[in-house]
């Protein structure tokens, strides 16, 4: 299993970014995927997840601002991040959900300045 995240960057508050994650080694048609961020603890925190048929779940702090989507044919997961806030600054990862592969990608850094 491999995850390759991209699309992060340095932006100002209220600007937008679109993260992408290319997935290999997973059957996209049946697997729920999720976006995580490193947070402050030992474990990565889930931010949003999306089922194989497109149903989504978001944590309260990003609801209404972030949108997860996927293209199973392209084996790619996306996270559209709008109205970014400084507290969204973190290293973002993708992985399967609810179980996670031990083979995490490198992540993509999102930095939001005031």
C-alpha atoms as a PDB file:
ATOM      1  CA  UNK A   1       0.000   0.000   0.000  1.00  0.00           C
ATOM      2  CA  UNK A   2       1.283   3.463  -0.860  1.00  0.00           C
ATOM      3  CA  UNK A   3      -0.023   6.968  -0.396  1.00  0.00           C
ATOM      4  CA  UNK A   4       1.536   9.997  -2.078  1.00  0.00           C
ATOM      5  CA  UNK A   5       0.207  13.323  -0.859  1.00  0.00           C
ATOM      6  CA  UNK A   6       0.699  16.665  -2.582  1.00  0.00           C
ATOM      7  CA  UNK A   7      -0.771  20.130  -2.903  1.00  0.00           C
ATOM      8  CA  UNK A   8       0.198  21.718   0.382  1.00  0.00           C
ATOM      9  CA  UNK A   9       1.784  25.118   0.644  1.00  0.00           C
ATOM     10  CA  UNK A  10       2.049  28.451   2.399  1.00  0.00           C
ATOM     11  CA  UNK A  11      -1.071  30.586   2.175  1.00  0.00           C
ATOM     12  CA  UNK A  12      -2.709  33.431   4.025  1.00  0.00           C
ATOM     13  CA  UNK A  13      -5.843  33.041   6.090  1.00  0.00           C
ATOM     14  CA  UNK A  14      -9.106  32.743   4.089  1.00  0.00           C
ATOM     15  CA  UNK A  15      -7.218  31.461   1.045  1.00  0.00           C
ATOM     16  CA  UNK A  16      -7.668  27.958  -0.383  1.00  0.00           C
ATOM     17  CA  UNK A  17      -5.646  24.857  -1.158  1.00  0.00           C
ATOM     18  CA  UNK A  18      -6.470  21.558  -2.813  1.00  0.00           C
ATOM     19  CA  UNK A  19      -4.670  18.492  -1.556  1.00  0.00           C
ATOM     20  CA  UNK A  20      -4.316  15.329  -3.608  1.00  0.00           C
ATOM     21  CA  UNK A  21      -3.399  11.803  -2.623  1.00  0.00           C
ATOM     22  CA  UNK A  22      -2.547   9.099  -5.126  1.00  0.00           C
ATOM     23  CA  UNK A  23      -3.308   5.669  -3.719  1.00  0.00           C
ATOM     24  CA  UNK A  24      -1.927   2.294  -4.724  1.00  0.00           C
ATOM     25  CA  UNK A  25      -2.431  -1.178  -3.342  1.00  0.00           C
ATOM     26  CA  UNK A  26      -6.027  -0.561  -2.254  1.00  0.00           C
ATOM     27  CA  UNK A  27      -9.256  -1.552  -3.973  1.00  0.00           C
ATOM     28  CA  UNK A  28     -10.708   1.919  -4.372  1.00  0.00           C
ATOM     29  CA  UNK A  29     -14.193   0.678  -5.222  1.00  0.00           C
ATOM     30  CA  UNK A  30     -14.796  -0.687  -1.721  1.00  0.00           C
ATOM     31  CA  UNK A  31     -12.486   1.197   0.649  1.00  0.00           C
ATOM     32  CA  UNK A  32     -13.302   4.265   2.708  1.00  0.00           C
ATOM     33  CA  UNK A  33     -10.418   6.730   2.707  1.00  0.00           C
ATOM     34  CA  UNK A  34      -9.622   9.589   5.018  1.00  0.00           C
ATOM     35  CA  UNK A  35      -7.500  12.679   5.483  1.00  0.00           C
ATOM     36  CA  UNK A  36      -5.531  13.001   8.691  1.00  0.00           C
ATOM     37  CA  UNK A  37      -3.321  15.638  10.224  1.00  0.00           C
ATOM     38  CA  UNK A  38      -0.460  15.176  12.611  1.00  0.00           C
ATOM     39  CA  UNK A  39      -1.904  17.200  15.471  1.00  0.00           C
ATOM     40  CA  UNK A  40      -0.128  17.497  18.803  1.00  0.00           C
ATOM     41  CA  UNK A  41      -0.346  13.925  20.105  1.00  0.00           C
ATOM     42  CA  UNK A  42       1.235  10.647  19.120  1.00  0.00           C
ATOM     43  CA  UNK A  43      -1.592   9.671  16.798  1.00  0.00           C
ATOM     44  CA  UNK A  44      -2.698  11.448  13.681  1.00  0.00           C
ATOM     45  CA  UNK A  45      -6.125  13.048  13.883  1.00  0.00           C
ATOM     46  CA  UNK A  46      -8.756  12.276  11.277  1.00  0.00           C
ATOM     47  CA  UNK A  47     -10.070  15.380   9.544  1.00  0.00           C
ATOM     48  CA  UNK A  48     -12.492  13.928   7.008  1.00  0.00           C
ATOM     49  CA  UNK A  49     -13.397  10.608   5.496  1.00  0.00           C
ATOM     50  CA  UNK A  50     -15.185   9.556   2.332  1.00  0.00           C
ATOM     51  CA  UNK A  51     -16.738   6.218   1.524  1.00  0.00           C
ATOM     52  CA  UNK A  52     -16.239   4.449  -1.780  1.00  0.00           C
ATOM     53  CA  UNK A  53     -19.603   5.760  -2.973  1.00  0.00           C
ATOM     54  CA  UNK A  54     -18.874   9.332  -1.909  1.00  0.00           C
ATOM     55  CA  UNK A  55     -20.497   9.798   1.487  1.00  0.00           C
ATOM     56  CA  UNK A  56     -18.455  12.156   3.623  1.00  0.00           C
ATOM     57  CA  UNK A  57     -17.834  12.924   7.278  1.00  0.00           C
ATOM     58  CA  UNK A  58     -15.981  15.953   8.674  1.00  0.00           C
ATOM     59  CA  UNK A  59     -14.822  16.976  12.092  1.00  0.00           C
ATOM     60  CA  UNK A  60     -16.643  20.043  13.393  1.00  0.00           C
ATOM     61  CA  UNK A  61     -13.707  22.422  13.011  1.00  0.00           C
ATOM     62  CA  UNK A  62     -13.535  21.954   9.222  1.00  0.00           C
ATOM     63  CA  UNK A  63     -17.197  21.362   8.444  1.00  0.00           C
ATOM     64  CA  UNK A  64     -18.400  23.809   5.808  1.00  0.00           C
ATOM     65  CA  UNK A  65     -14.843  24.726   4.791  1.00  0.00           C
ATOM     66  CA  UNK A  66     -13.255  21.457   3.654  1.00  0.00           C
ATOM     67  CA  UNK A  67     -14.623  19.097   1.017  1.00  0.00           C
ATOM     68  CA  UNK A  68     -13.332  15.581   0.461  1.00  0.00           C
ATOM     69  CA  UNK A  69     -13.777  13.924  -2.919  1.00  0.00           C
ATOM     70  CA  UNK A  70     -12.315  11.021  -4.808  1.00  0.00           C
ATOM     71  CA  UNK A  71     -11.793   9.700  -8.296  1.00  0.00           C
ATOM     72  CA  UNK A  72     -11.677   5.935  -8.045  1.00  0.00           C
ATOM     73  CA  UNK A  73     -10.624   5.517 -11.682  1.00  0.00           C
ATOM     74  CA  UNK A  74      -7.622   7.775 -11.075  1.00  0.00           C
ATOM     75  CA  UNK A  75      -7.013   6.213  -7.649  1.00  0.00           C
ATOM     76  CA  UNK A  76      -6.867   9.697  -6.209  1.00  0.00           C
ATOM     77  CA  UNK A  77      -8.316  11.318  -3.102  1.00  0.00           C
ATOM     78  CA  UNK A  78      -8.764  15.082  -2.819  1.00  0.00           C
ATOM     79  CA  UNK A  79      -9.310  17.612  -0.070  1.00  0.00           C
ATOM     80  CA  UNK A  80     -10.515  21.066  -1.077  1.00  0.00           C
ATOM     81  CA  UNK A  81      -9.654  23.422   1.756  1.00  0.00           C
ATOM     82  CA  UNK A  82     -11.397  26.807   1.693  1.00  0.00           C
ATOM     83  CA  UNK A  83     -11.420  29.681   4.168  1.00  0.00           C
ATOM     84  CA  UNK A  84      -8.219  28.383   5.698  1.00  0.00           C
ATOM     85  CA  UNK A  85      -7.333  29.426   9.233  1.00  0.00           C
ATOM     86  CA  UNK A  86      -3.950  29.518  10.996  1.00  0.00           C
ATOM     87  CA  UNK A  87      -5.117  26.638  13.192  1.00  0.00           C
ATOM     88  CA  UNK A  88      -5.336  24.461  10.066  1.00  0.00           C
ATOM     89  CA  UNK A  89      -1.538  24.594   9.851  1.00  0.00           C
ATOM     90  CA  UNK A  90      -0.288  21.022  10.000  1.00  0.00           C
ATOM     91  CA  UNK A  91       1.133  18.080   8.063  1.00  0.00           C
ATOM     92  CA  UNK A  92      -1.692  16.324   6.218  1.00  0.00           C
ATOM     93  CA  UNK A  93      -1.813  12.640   5.313  1.00  0.00           C
ATOM     94  CA  UNK A  94      -4.236  10.256   3.670  1.00  0.00           C
ATOM     95  CA  UNK A  95      -4.858   6.631   4.528  1.00  0.00           C
ATOM     96  CA  UNK A  96      -7.561   4.014   4.666  1.00  0.00           C
ATOM     97  CA  UNK A  97     -10.383   4.243   7.210  1.00  0.00           C
ATOM     98  CA  UNK A  98     -11.318   2.997   9.773  1.00  0.00           C
ATOM     99  CA  UNK A  99      -8.205   0.810   9.709  1.00  0.00           C
ATOM    100  CA  UNK A 100      -4.956   2.454   8.641  1.00  0.00           C
ATOM    101  CA  UNK A 101      -2.060   0.988   6.770  1.00  0.00           C
ATOM    102  CA  UNK A 102       1.257   1.215   8.597  1.00  0.00           C
ATOM    103  CA  UNK A 103       2.705   2.541   5.338  1.00  0.00           C
ATOM    104  CA  UNK A 104       1.927   6.222   5.801  1.00  0.00           C
ATOM    105  CA  UNK A 105       3.067   8.629   3.116  1.00  0.00           C
ATOM    106  CA  UNK A 106       5.312  11.627   3.699  1.00  0.00           C
ATOM    107  CA  UNK A 107       2.364  13.960   4.024  1.00  0.00           C
ATOM    108  CA  UNK A 108       1.986  17.442   2.616  1.00  0.00           C
ATOM    109  CA  UNK A 109       2.573  20.544   4.737  1.00  0.00           C
ATOM    110  CA  UNK A 110      -0.118  23.185   4.975  1.00  0.00           C
ATOM    111  CA  UNK A 111       0.913  26.470   6.557  1.00  0.00           C
ATOM    112  CA  UNK A 112      -1.607  29.262   7.017  1.00  0.00           C
ATOM    113  CA  UNK A 113      -0.448  32.708   8.094  1.00  0.00           C
ATOM    114  CA  UNK A 114      -2.755  35.261   9.758  1.00  0.00           C
END
